[in-house]
Amino acid sequence: MFQNTLCAVLWTSILIMGLTACGSGSVQVSSSGAQLTGISITPADPAIATNSSQPFTAIGIYSDNTTQDLTNAVTWSSSDTTVATIIEPALSSAKTNNGKAYAYGKKAGTTTITATSGSTSGSTTLTVTSATLVSLTVTPANPSVAKGSTQQFAATGTFSDSTTQDLTAQVTWNSSNTGVATISTSGLATGIAAGTVTITATSGGISGTATLAVTAVTTTGSATLSWAAPATNTDGTALTDLAGYKVYYGTSSGNYTTVVNIGNVLSYTVNNLASGHTYYFAVTAYDSTGLESGYSAEASKTL
């Protein structure tokens, strides 16, 4: 009597947490209360070469027809560990940080990869071939990123049987100049300084390369000009037909490469000026006939 009461108490307590603990076996329960009825492993029935790996995911199928990624919750196994072993995500190194389980081909043959949760399981067949890696292709081939930005690279292996496989997580990544760009074990490059660097992916004696250009971050600034309206012409007579102003500017004193007709206003902001330069400004006035005055006194600003 005491044992039955204890079981009932445990059943109620654990069911609230989403699992059942009494009876013939545990049952995975979703947050909505639906029970796990099946597990689907993807990809289905893949083939890999020896000394390469295959990532797997496990998708749980529930009694209410919903699905959930259980890759990190199931127990993974290989029926023949002499053909391929499988490493669960929780035990994976930095190279399998995408939350997938990885099977590693050891010799030619077939093995059954199984994902189990309580009394429910799913399986697929993994074929390991004797094909050997003959080349590596790194993509994108010639990307460009700004300093401080990142670029993800992928490595695709071509094997002696003409098959291809994504080897991004298996190759060793290297940057020819870590002062320009670094690269992680998963192939993510980070721009450090302006320049060009060669990104290399290596597996055994096979390698592939790509060129990464890192550009400097261009910051911009602005300059605001203001002035008083003229009251007389140069001959001292009253100015009666002032129509507007033009702003001239450039990066060399007295040599203005840009002109903007701003109309009849007494201030103007010049935007999108590249940093690292000194800009020089002058203003002219023009009348209703288009007759334009000489330059005002020059103003300058260093950004």
C-alpha atoms as a PDB file:
ATOM      1  CA  MET A   1       0.000   0.000   0.000  1.00  0.00           C
ATOM      2  CA  PHE A   2       2.798   2.338   0.897  1.00  0.00           C
ATOM      3  CA  GLN A   3       4.653   1.471  -2.347  1.00  0.00           C
ATOM      4  CA  ASN A   4       1.592   2.166  -4.511  1.00  0.00           C
ATOM      5  CA  THR A   5       1.024   5.485  -2.772  1.00  0.00           C
ATOM      6  CA  LEU A   6       4.660   6.469  -3.343  1.00  0.00           C
ATOM      7  CA  CYS A   7       4.412   5.593  -7.027  1.00  0.00           C
ATOM      8  CA  ALA A   8       1.315   7.720  -7.392  1.00  0.00           C
ATOM      9  CA  VAL A   9       3.018  10.660  -5.718  1.00  0.00           C
ATOM     10  CA  LEU A  10       6.090  10.336  -7.947  1.00  0.00           C
ATOM     11  CA  TRP A  11       3.895   9.991 -11.059  1.00  0.00           C
ATOM     12  CA  THR A  12       2.093  13.234 -10.319  1.00  0.00           C
ATOM     13  CA  SER A  13       5.276  15.117  -9.479  1.00  0.00           C
ATOM     14  CA  ILE A  14       7.248  14.068 -12.543  1.00  0.00           C
ATOM     15  CA  LEU A  15       4.319  14.410 -14.937  1.00  0.00           C
ATOM     16  CA  ILE A  16       4.219  18.110 -14.088  1.00  0.00           C
ATOM     17  CA  MET A  17       7.862  18.310 -15.185  1.00  0.00           C
ATOM     18  CA  GLY A  18       7.016  16.604 -18.490  1.00  0.00           C
ATOM     19  CA  LEU A  19       8.188  13.002 -17.914  1.00  0.00           C
ATOM     20  CA  THR A  20       6.594   9.882 -16.442  1.00  0.00           C
ATOM     21  CA  ALA A  21       8.667   7.675 -14.195  1.00  0.00           C
ATOM     22  CA  CYS A  22       6.427   4.798 -13.121  1.00  0.00           C
ATOM     23  CA  GLY A  23       5.214   1.962 -15.287  1.00  0.00           C
ATOM     24  CA  SER A  24       6.992   0.044 -18.050  1.00  0.00           C
ATOM     25  CA  GLY A  25       9.182   2.977 -19.223  1.00  0.00           C
ATOM     26  CA  SER A  26       9.524   6.742 -19.365  1.00  0.00           C
ATOM     27  CA  VAL A  27       7.601   8.757 -21.934  1.00  0.00           C
ATOM     28  CA  GLN A  28       8.821  12.040 -23.415  1.00  0.00           C
ATOM     29  CA  VAL A  29       6.075  14.674 -23.107  1.00  0.00           C
ATOM     30  CA  SER A  30       5.968  18.035 -24.923  1.00  0.00           C
ATOM     31  CA  SER A  31       5.217  21.329 -23.216  1.00  0.00           C
ATOM     32  CA  SER A  32       1.615  20.969 -24.398  1.00  0.00           C
ATOM     33  CA  GLY A  33       1.287  17.547 -22.746  1.00  0.00           C
ATOM     34  CA  ALA A  34       1.452  15.499 -25.972  1.00  0.00           C
ATOM     35  CA  GLN A  35       3.408  12.225 -25.820  1.00  0.00           C
ATOM     36  CA  LEU A  36       6.372  11.358 -28.031  1.00  0.00           C
ATOM     37  CA  THR A  37       5.314   8.769 -30.613  1.00  0.00           C
ATOM     38  CA  GLY A  38       8.284   8.665 -32.979  1.00  0.00           C
ATOM     39  CA  ILE A  39      11.737   9.996 -33.825  1.00  0.00           C
ATOM     40  CA  SER A  40      12.890  10.909 -37.316  1.00  0.00           C
ATOM     41  CA  ILE A  41      16.629  11.089 -38.048  1.00  0.00           C
ATOM     42  CA  THR A  42      17.937  13.306 -40.822  1.00  0.00           C
ATOM     43  CA  PRO A  43      19.532  12.946 -43.232  1.00  0.00           C
ATOM     44  CA  ALA A  44      18.144   9.520 -44.070  1.00  0.00           C
ATOM     45  CA  ASP A  45      20.549   6.824 -45.242  1.00  0.00           C
ATOM     46  CA  PRO A  46      23.576   9.026 -46.032  1.00  0.00           C
ATOM     47  CA  ALA A  47      26.933   7.837 -47.337  1.00  0.00           C
ATOM     48  CA  ILE A  48      30.334   9.209 -46.352  1.00  0.00           C
ATOM     49  CA  ALA A  49      33.952   8.375 -47.041  1.00  0.00           C
ATOM     50  CA  THR A  50      36.291   6.902 -44.466  1.00  0.00           C
ATOM     51  CA  ASN A  51      37.909   9.474 -42.170  1.00  0.00           C
ATOM     52  CA  SER A  52      35.049  11.922 -42.734  1.00  0.00           C
ATOM     53  CA  SER A  53      31.962  12.720 -40.695  1.00  0.00           C
ATOM     54  CA  GLN A  54      28.209  13.109 -41.045  1.00  0.00           C
ATOM     55  CA  PRO A  55      26.038  15.387 -38.876  1.00  0.00           C
ATOM     56  CA  PHE A  56      22.646  14.094 -37.751  1.00  0.00           C
ATOM     57  CA  THR A  57      19.574  15.672 -36.179  1.00  0.00           C
ATOM     58  CA  ALA A  58      16.725  13.950 -34.356  1.00  0.00           C
ATOM     59  CA  ILE A  59      13.179  15.298 -34.709  1.00  0.00           C
ATOM     60  CA  GLY A  60      10.573  14.114 -32.217  1.00  0.00           C
ATOM     61  CA  ILE A  61       7.028  13.495 -33.445  1.00  0.00           C
ATOM     62  CA  TYR A  62       4.257  13.890 -30.849  1.00  0.00           C
ATOM     63  CA  SER A  63       0.717  12.596 -30.439  1.00  0.00           C
ATOM     64  CA  ASP A  64      -0.733  15.996 -31.341  1.00  0.00           C
ATOM     65  CA  ASN A  65       1.208  15.956 -34.655  1.00  0.00           C
ATOM     66  CA  THR A  66       3.681  18.596 -33.479  1.00  0.00           C
ATOM     67  CA  THR A  67       7.438  18.149 -33.870  1.00  0.00           C
ATOM     68  CA  GLN A  68      10.448  19.197 -31.837  1.00  0.00           C
ATOM     69  CA  ASP A  69      14.219  19.078 -32.302  1.00  0.00           C
ATOM     70  CA  LEU A  70      15.473  16.457 -29.819  1.00  0.00           C
ATOM     71  CA  THR A  71      19.053  16.216 -31.098  1.00  0.00           C
ATOM     72  CA  ASN A  72      20.446  17.260 -27.734  1.00  0.00           C
ATOM     73  CA  ALA A  73      17.910  15.258 -25.710  1.00  0.00           C
ATOM     74  CA  VAL A  74      18.164  11.765 -27.219  1.00  0.00           C
ATOM     75  CA  THR A  75      20.831   9.098 -26.719  1.00  0.00           C
ATOM     76  CA  TRP A  76      22.804   8.375 -29.881  1.00  0.00           C
ATOM     77  CA  SER A  77      24.364   5.033 -30.802  1.00  0.00           C
ATOM     78  CA  SER A  78      26.026   3.190 -33.677  1.00  0.00           C
ATOM     79  CA  SER A  79      25.346  -0.522 -34.195  1.00  0.00           C
ATOM     80  CA  ASP A  80      28.898  -1.129 -35.458  1.00  0.00           C
ATOM     81  CA  THR A  81      31.491   1.155 -33.934  1.00  0.00           C
ATOM     82  CA  THR A  82      34.213  -0.414 -36.071  1.00  0.00           C
ATOM     83  CA  VAL A  83      32.496   1.143 -39.119  1.00  0.00           C
ATOM     84  CA  ALA A  84      31.484   4.460 -37.539  1.00  0.00           C
ATOM     85  CA  THR A  85      31.267   5.997 -34.100  1.00  0.00           C
ATOM     86  CA  ILE A  86      28.895   8.782 -33.138  1.00  0.00           C
ATOM     87  CA  ILE A  87      29.525  11.657 -30.759  1.00  0.00           C
ATOM     88  CA  GLU A  88      26.584  13.274 -29.004  1.00  0.00           C
ATOM     89  CA  PRO A  89      26.304  17.089 -29.113  1.00  0.00           C
ATOM     90  CA  ALA A  90      26.905  17.366 -25.361  1.00  0.00           C
ATOM     91  CA  LEU A  91      30.272  15.635 -25.809  1.00  0.00           C
ATOM     92  CA  SER A  92      31.266  17.404 -29.020  1.00  0.00           C
ATOM     93  CA  SER A  93      34.237  19.681 -29.449  1.00  0.00           C
ATOM     94  CA  ALA A  94      34.175  23.229 -30.856  1.00  0.00           C
ATOM     95  CA  LYS A  95      34.007  21.758 -34.345  1.00  0.00           C
ATOM     96  CA  THR A  96      30.486  20.436 -33.683  1.00  0.00           C
ATOM     97  CA  ASN A  97      29.120  23.533 -32.006  1.00  0.00           C
ATOM     98  CA  ASN A  98      26.062  23.610 -34.258  1.00  0.00           C
ATOM     99  CA  GLY A  99      24.142  21.306 -31.916  1.00  0.00           C
ATOM    100  CA  LYS A 100      24.243  18.208 -34.111  1.00  0.00           C
ATOM    101  CA  ALA A 101      25.462  14.669 -33.443  1.00  0.00           C
ATOM    102  CA  TYR A 102      28.381  13.635 -35.642  1.00  0.00           C
ATOM    103  CA  ALA A 103      29.145  10.143 -36.947  1.00  0.00           C
ATOM    104  CA  TYR A 104      32.783   9.487 -37.911  1.00  0.00           C
ATOM    105  CA  GLY A 105      33.562   6.930 -40.614  1.00  0.00           C
ATOM    106  CA  LYS A 106      36.330   4.500 -39.625  1.00  0.00           C
ATOM    107  CA  LYS A 107      36.215   1.824 -42.330  1.00  0.00           C
ATOM    108  CA  ALA A 108      34.067   0.791 -45.290  1.00  0.00           C
ATOM    109  CA  GLY A 109      30.759  -0.808 -44.330  1.00  0.00           C
ATOM    110  CA  THR A 110      27.301  -0.006 -42.998  1.00  0.00           C
ATOM    111  CA  THR A 111      26.033   0.753 -39.523  1.00  0.00           C
ATOM    112  CA  THR A 112      22.695   1.705 -38.027  1.00  0.00           C
ATOM    113  CA  ILE A 113      22.572   5.097 -36.316  1.00  0.00           C
ATOM    114  CA  THR A 114      19.905   5.206 -33.614  1.00  0.00           C
ATOM    115  CA  ALA A 115      18.460   8.039 -31.536  1.00  0.00           C
ATOM    116  CA  THR A 116      16.586   6.949 -28.393  1.00  0.00           C
ATOM    117  CA  SER A 117      14.417   8.751 -25.867  1.00  0.00           C
ATOM    118  CA  GLY A 118      12.886   6.485 -23.222  1.00  0.00           C
ATOM    119  CA  SER A 119      11.151   3.653 -25.063  1.00  0.00           C
ATOM    120  CA  THR A 120      10.946   5.560 -28.365  1.00  0.00           C
ATOM    121  CA  SER A 121      13.658   5.458 -30.998  1.00  0.00           C
ATOM    122  CA  GLY A 122      14.389   6.196 -34.615  1.00  0.00           C
ATOM    123  CA  SER A 123      17.181   4.954 -36.847  1.00  0.00           C
ATOM    124  CA  THR A 124      18.852   5.357 -40.204  1.00  0.00           C
ATOM    125  CA  THR A 125      21.571   3.518 -42.115  1.00  0.00           C
ATOM    126  CA  LEU A 126      24.989   5.102 -42.560  1.00  0.00           C
ATOM    127  CA  THR A 127      27.189   3.781 -45.344  1.00  0.00           C
ATOM    128  CA  VAL A 128      30.933   4.354 -45.134  1.00  0.00           C
ATOM    129  CA  THR A 129      32.786   4.019 -48.436  1.00  0.00           C
ATOM    130  CA  SER A 130      36.458   3.555 -49.206  1.00  0.00           C
ATOM    131  CA  ALA A 131      36.563   6.737 -51.336  1.00  0.00           C
ATOM    132  CA  THR A 132      39.418   9.143 -50.623  1.00  0.00           C
ATOM    133  CA  LEU A 133      39.450  12.933 -50.568  1.00  0.00           C
ATOM    134  CA  VAL A 134      40.993  14.412 -53.726  1.00  0.00           C
ATOM    135  CA  SER A 135      40.212  18.148 -53.462  1.00  0.00           C
ATOM    136  CA  LEU A 136      38.755  20.871 -51.271  1.00  0.00           C
ATOM    137  CA  THR A 137      36.814  23.915 -52.473  1.00  0.00           C
ATOM    138  CA  VAL A 138      36.436  26.917 -50.175  1.00  0.00           C
ATOM    139  CA  THR A 139      33.476  29.258 -50.720  1.00  0.00           C
ATOM    140  CA  PRO A 140      32.894  32.120 -51.165  1.00  0.00           C
ATOM    141  CA  ALA A 141      36.075  32.434 -53.216  1.00  0.00           C
ATOM    142  CA  ASN A 142      36.780  36.179 -53.019  1.00  0.00           C
ATOM    143  CA  PRO A 143      34.574  37.904 -50.443  1.00  0.00           C
ATOM    144  CA  SER A 144      35.119  41.351 -48.936  1.00  0.00           C
ATOM    145  CA  VAL A 145      34.156  42.491 -45.439  1.00  0.00           C
ATOM    146  CA  ALA A 146      34.602  45.678 -43.447  1.00  0.00           C
ATOM    147  CA  LYS A 147      36.930  45.773 -40.477  1.00  0.00           C
ATOM    148  CA  GLY A 148      35.154  44.270 -37.472  1.00  0.00           C
ATOM    149  CA  SER A 149      32.694  42.278 -39.618  1.00  0.00           C
ATOM    150  CA  THR A 150      32.603  38.520 -40.135  1.00  0.00           C
ATOM    151  CA  GLN A 151      32.478  36.136 -43.089  1.00  0.00           C
ATOM    152  CA  GLN A 152      31.440  32.488 -42.876  1.00  0.00           C
ATOM    153  CA  PHE A 153      33.391  30.116 -45.136  1.00  0.00           C
ATOM    154  CA  ALA A 154      32.425  26.605 -46.205  1.00  0.00           C
ATOM    155  CA  ALA A 155      34.682  23.747 -47.317  1.00  0.00           C
ATOM    156  CA  THR A 156      33.351  21.154 -49.757  1.00  0.00           C
ATOM    157  CA  GLY A 157      35.326  17.977 -50.344  1.00  0.00           C
ATOM    158  CA  THR A 158      35.357  16.057 -53.617  1.00  0.00           C
ATOM    159  CA  PHE A 159      36.161  12.339 -53.299  1.00  0.00           C
ATOM    160  CA  SER A 160      37.650   9.728 -55.609  1.00  0.00           C
ATOM    161  CA  ASP A 161      34.190   8.354 -56.415  1.00  0.00           C
ATOM    162  CA  SER A 162      33.108  11.864 -57.590  1.00  0.00           C
ATOM    163  CA  THR A 163      30.855  12.397 -54.574  1.00  0.00           C
ATOM    164  CA  THR A 164      31.008  15.634 -52.601  1.00  0.00           C
ATOM    165  CA  GLN A 165      30.540  16.378 -48.919  1.00  0.00           C
ATOM    166  CA  ASP A 166      30.387  19.419 -46.672  1.00  0.00           C
ATOM    167  CA  LEU A 167      33.599  19.269 -44.622  1.00  0.00           C
ATOM    168  CA  THR A 168      33.358  22.711 -43.027  1.00  0.00           C
ATOM    169  CA  ALA A 169      33.298  21.302 -39.500  1.00  0.00           C
ATOM    170  CA  GLN A 170      36.080  18.781 -40.131  1.00  0.00           C
ATOM    171  CA  VAL A 171      38.833  20.706 -41.876  1.00  0.00           C
ATOM    172  CA  THR A 172      41.519  22.767 -40.175  1.00  0.00           C
ATOM    173  CA  TRP A 173      41.086  26.476 -40.925  1.00  0.00           C
ATOM    174  CA  ASN A 174      43.978  28.907 -41.205  1.00  0.00           C
ATOM    175  CA  SER A 175      44.534  32.601 -41.983  1.00  0.00           C
ATOM    176  CA  SER A 176      47.765  33.676 -43.672  1.00  0.00           C
ATOM    177  CA  ASN A 177      47.815  36.894 -41.629  1.00  0.00           C
ATOM    178  CA  THR A 178      45.912  37.001 -38.343  1.00  0.00           C
ATOM    179  CA  GLY A 179      46.703  40.710 -38.123  1.00  0.00           C
ATOM    180  CA  VAL A 180      44.319  41.219 -41.046  1.00  0.00           C
ATOM    181  CA  ALA A 181      41.747  38.494 -40.311  1.00  0.00           C
ATOM    182  CA  THR A 182      41.344  35.597 -37.911  1.00  0.00           C
ATOM    183  CA  ILE A 183      39.311  32.457 -38.527  1.00  0.00           C
ATOM    184  CA  SER A 184      37.634  30.093 -36.084  1.00  0.00           C
ATOM    185  CA  THR A 185      37.589  26.304 -36.115  1.00  0.00           C
ATOM    186  CA  SER A 186      34.118  26.481 -37.679  1.00  0.00           C
ATOM    187  CA  GLY A 187      35.277  28.663 -40.615  1.00  0.00           C
ATOM    188  CA  LEU A 188      34.051  32.052 -39.374  1.00  0.00           C
ATOM    189  CA  ALA A 189      36.529  34.807 -40.317  1.00  0.00           C
ATOM    190  CA  THR A 190      36.682  38.179 -38.554  1.00  0.00           C
ATOM    191  CA  GLY A 191      38.211  41.269 -40.175  1.00  0.00           C
ATOM    192  CA  ILE A 192      40.872  42.835 -37.932  1.00  0.00           C
ATOM    193  CA  ALA A 193      42.542  45.432 -40.161  1.00  0.00           C
ATOM    194  CA  ALA A 194      42.435  46.589 -43.782  1.00  0.00           C
ATOM    195  CA  GLY A 195      44.285  44.264 -46.124  1.00  0.00           C
ATOM    196  CA  THR A 196      44.085  40.955 -47.970  1.00  0.00           C
ATOM    197  CA  VAL A 197      44.495  37.509 -46.465  1.00  0.00           C
ATOM    198  CA  THR A 198      44.429  33.918 -47.731  1.00  0.00           C
ATOM    199  CA  ILE A 199      42.004  31.591 -45.967  1.00  0.00           C
ATOM    200  CA  THR A 200      43.002  27.928 -46.143  1.00  0.00           C
ATOM    201  CA  ALA A 201      41.044  24.776 -45.303  1.00  0.00           C
ATOM    202  CA  THR A 202      43.107  21.607 -44.834  1.00  0.00           C
ATOM    203  CA  SER A 203      42.246  17.948 -44.363  1.00  0.00           C
ATOM    204  CA  GLY A 204      45.150  15.545 -44.341  1.00  0.00           C
ATOM    205  CA  GLY A 205      47.358  16.573 -47.228  1.00  0.00           C
ATOM    206  CA  ILE A 206      44.526  18.220 -49.184  1.00  0.00           C
ATOM    207  CA  SER A 207      43.818  21.943 -48.988  1.00  0.00           C
ATOM    208  CA  GLY A 208      41.716  24.632 -50.611  1.00  0.00           C
ATOM    209  CA  THR A 209      41.969  28.410 -50.417  1.00  0.00           C
ATOM    210  CA  ALA A 210      39.975  31.612 -50.729  1.00  0.00           C
ATOM    211  CA  THR A 211      41.003  35.272 -50.651  1.00  0.00           C
ATOM    212  CA  LEU A 212      39.417  37.592 -48.103  1.00  0.00           C
ATOM    213  CA  ALA A 213      39.682  41.379 -48.491  1.00  0.00           C
ATOM    214  CA  VAL A 214      39.180  43.448 -45.348  1.00  0.00           C
ATOM    215  CA  THR A 215      38.272  47.088 -45.930  1.00  0.00           C
ATOM    216  CA  ALA A 216      38.670  50.012 -43.576  1.00  0.00           C
ATOM    217  CA  VAL A 217      35.547  51.346 -41.939  1.00  0.00           C
ATOM    218  CA  THR A 218      34.804  54.747 -43.432  1.00  0.00           C
ATOM    219  CA  THR A 219      33.213  57.132 -40.981  1.00  0.00           C
ATOM    220  CA  THR A 220      31.617  60.385 -42.055  1.00  0.00           C
ATOM    221  CA  GLY A 221      31.022  63.760 -40.507  1.00  0.00           C
ATOM    222  CA  SER A 222      29.413  67.071 -41.322  1.00  0.00           C
ATOM    223  CA  ALA A 223      30.080  70.791 -41.266  1.00  0.00           C
ATOM    224  CA  THR A 224      27.489  73.501 -40.669  1.00  0.00           C
ATOM    225  CA  LEU A 225      28.046  76.940 -42.232  1.00  0.00           C
ATOM    226  CA  SER A 226      26.136  80.117 -41.400  1.00  0.00           C
ATOM    227  CA  TRP A 227      26.517  83.776 -42.420  1.00  0.00           C
ATOM    228  CA  ALA A 228      24.829  87.177 -42.329  1.00  0.00           C
ATOM    229  CA  ALA A 229      22.979  88.427 -45.395  1.00  0.00           C
ATOM    230  CA  PRO A 230      24.838  91.160 -47.285  1.00  0.00           C
ATOM    231  CA  ALA A 231      23.072  94.557 -47.409  1.00  0.00           C
ATOM    232  CA  THR A 232      25.049  96.313 -50.173  1.00  0.00           C
ATOM    233  CA  ASN A 233      26.726  95.638 -53.459  1.00  0.00           C
ATOM    234  CA  THR A 234      30.509  95.882 -53.777  1.00  0.00           C
ATOM    235  CA  ASP A 235      30.119  99.469 -54.996  1.00  0.00           C
ATOM    236  CA  GLY A 236      28.242 100.416 -51.823  1.00  0.00           C
ATOM    237  CA  THR A 237      24.808 100.659 -53.378  1.00  0.00           C
ATOM    238  CA  ALA A 238      21.872  98.928 -51.743  1.00  0.00           C
ATOM    239  CA  LEU A 239      21.446  95.227 -52.539  1.00  0.00           C
ATOM    240  CA  THR A 240      17.829  94.816 -53.663  1.00  0.00           C
ATOM    241  CA  ASP A 241      17.663  91.696 -55.815  1.00  0.00           C
ATOM    242  CA  LEU A 242      19.527  89.003 -53.831  1.00  0.00           C
ATOM    243  CA  ALA A 243      18.280  85.601 -55.070  1.00  0.00           C
ATOM    244  CA  GLY A 244      20.374  83.020 -53.237  1.00  0.00           C
ATOM    245  CA  TYR A 245      23.709  81.497 -52.266  1.00  0.00           C
ATOM    246  CA  LYS A 246      26.110  78.802 -53.403  1.00  0.00           C
ATOM    247  CA  VAL A 247      28.386  76.767 -51.088  1.00  0.00           C
ATOM    248  CA  TYR A 248      31.751  75.671 -52.445  1.00  0.00           C
ATOM    249  CA  TYR A 249      34.033  73.129 -50.757  1.00  0.00           C
ATOM    250  CA  GLY A 250      36.966  70.770 -51.279  1.00  0.00           C
ATOM    251  CA  THR A 251      39.970  69.235 -49.521  1.00  0.00           C
ATOM    252  CA  SER A 252      42.472  71.803 -50.774  1.00  0.00           C
ATOM    253  CA  SER A 253      42.482  75.452 -49.736  1.00  0.00           C
ATOM    254  CA  GLY A 254      41.164  77.674 -52.542  1.00  0.00           C
ATOM    255  CA  ASN A 255      40.456  74.638 -54.763  1.00  0.00           C
ATOM    256  CA  TYR A 256      36.767  73.810 -54.437  1.00  0.00           C
ATOM    257  CA  THR A 257      35.663  70.623 -56.181  1.00  0.00           C
ATOM    258  CA  THR A 258      31.996  70.641 -55.134  1.00  0.00           C
ATOM    259  CA  VAL A 259      29.388  73.379 -55.419  1.00  0.00           C
ATOM    260  CA  VAL A 260      25.837  73.340 -54.030  1.00  0.00           C
ATOM    261  CA  ASN A 261      23.158  75.904 -54.902  1.00  0.00           C
ATOM    262  CA  ILE A 262      21.272  76.182 -51.608  1.00  0.00           C
ATOM    263  CA  GLY A 263      18.794  78.940 -52.440  1.00  0.00           C
ATOM    264  CA  ASN A 264      18.093  81.973 -50.283  1.00  0.00           C
ATOM    265  CA  VAL A 265      18.945  80.619 -46.803  1.00  0.00           C
ATOM    266  CA  LEU A 266      21.567  81.777 -44.297  1.00  0.00           C
ATOM    267  CA  SER A 267      22.925  78.407 -43.141  1.00  0.00           C
ATOM    268  CA  TYR A 268      23.697  75.018 -44.652  1.00  0.00           C
ATOM    269  CA  THR A 269      25.003  71.664 -43.380  1.00  0.00           C
ATOM    270  CA  VAL A 270      27.322  69.652 -45.602  1.00  0.00           C
ATOM    271  CA  ASN A 271      26.942  65.930 -44.783  1.00  0.00           C
ATOM    272  CA  ASN A 272      28.798  62.721 -45.649  1.00  0.00           C
ATOM    273  CA  LEU A 273      32.280  64.177 -45.333  1.00  0.00           C
ATOM    274  CA  ALA A 274      34.884  61.389 -44.977  1.00  0.00           C
ATOM    275  CA  SER A 275      36.913  61.387 -41.789  1.00  0.00           C
ATOM    276  CA  GLY A 276      40.657  61.930 -41.889  1.00  0.00           C
ATOM    277  CA  HIS A 277      40.473  65.024 -44.118  1.00  0.00           C
ATOM    278  CA  THR A 278      40.407  68.807 -43.771  1.00  0.00           C
ATOM    279  CA  TYR A 279      37.650  70.479 -45.775  1.00  0.00           C
ATOM    280  CA  TYR A 280      37.678  74.116 -46.968  1.00  0.00           C
ATOM    281  CA  PHE A 281      34.484  76.117 -47.563  1.00  0.00           C
ATOM    282  CA  ALA A 282      33.448  79.376 -49.218  1.00  0.00           C
ATOM    283  CA  VAL A 283      30.085  80.977 -50.005  1.00  0.00           C
ATOM    284  CA  THR A 284      28.987  83.193 -52.903  1.00  0.00           C
ATOM    285  CA  ALA A 285      25.795  85.220 -53.435  1.00  0.00           C
ATOM    286  CA  TYR A 286      23.917  85.649 -56.704  1.00  0.00           C
ATOM    287  CA  ASP A 287      21.153  87.983 -57.889  1.00  0.00           C
ATOM    288  CA  SER A 288      18.017  87.406 -59.892  1.00  0.00           C
ATOM    289  CA  THR A 289      19.922  87.671 -63.177  1.00  0.00           C
ATOM    290  CA  GLY A 290      22.405  84.974 -62.113  1.00  0.00           C
ATOM    291  CA  LEU A 291      25.248  87.407 -61.519  1.00  0.00           C
ATOM    292  CA  GLU A 292      27.468  85.838 -58.857  1.00  0.00           C
ATOM    293  CA  SER A 293      29.726  87.486 -56.287  1.00  0.00           C
ATOM    294  CA  GLY A 294      33.273  86.485 -55.451  1.00  0.00           C
ATOM    295  CA  TYR A 295      34.081  83.956 -52.719  1.00  0.00           C
ATOM    296  CA  SER A 296      33.545  84.824 -49.083  1.00  0.00           C
ATOM    297  CA  ALA A 297      36.356  84.406 -46.586  1.00  0.00           C
ATOM    298  CA  GLU A 298      37.341  80.751 -46.420  1.00  0.00           C
ATOM    299  CA  ALA A 299      36.367  78.505 -43.505  1.00  0.00           C
ATOM    300  CA  SER A 300      37.772  75.050 -42.769  1.00  0.00           C
ATOM    301  CA  LYS A 301      37.065  71.964 -40.673  1.00  0.00           C
ATOM    302  CA  THR A 302      39.141  68.853 -39.951  1.00  0.00           C
ATOM    303  CA  LEU A 303      37.264  65.595 -39.408  1.00  0.00           C
END
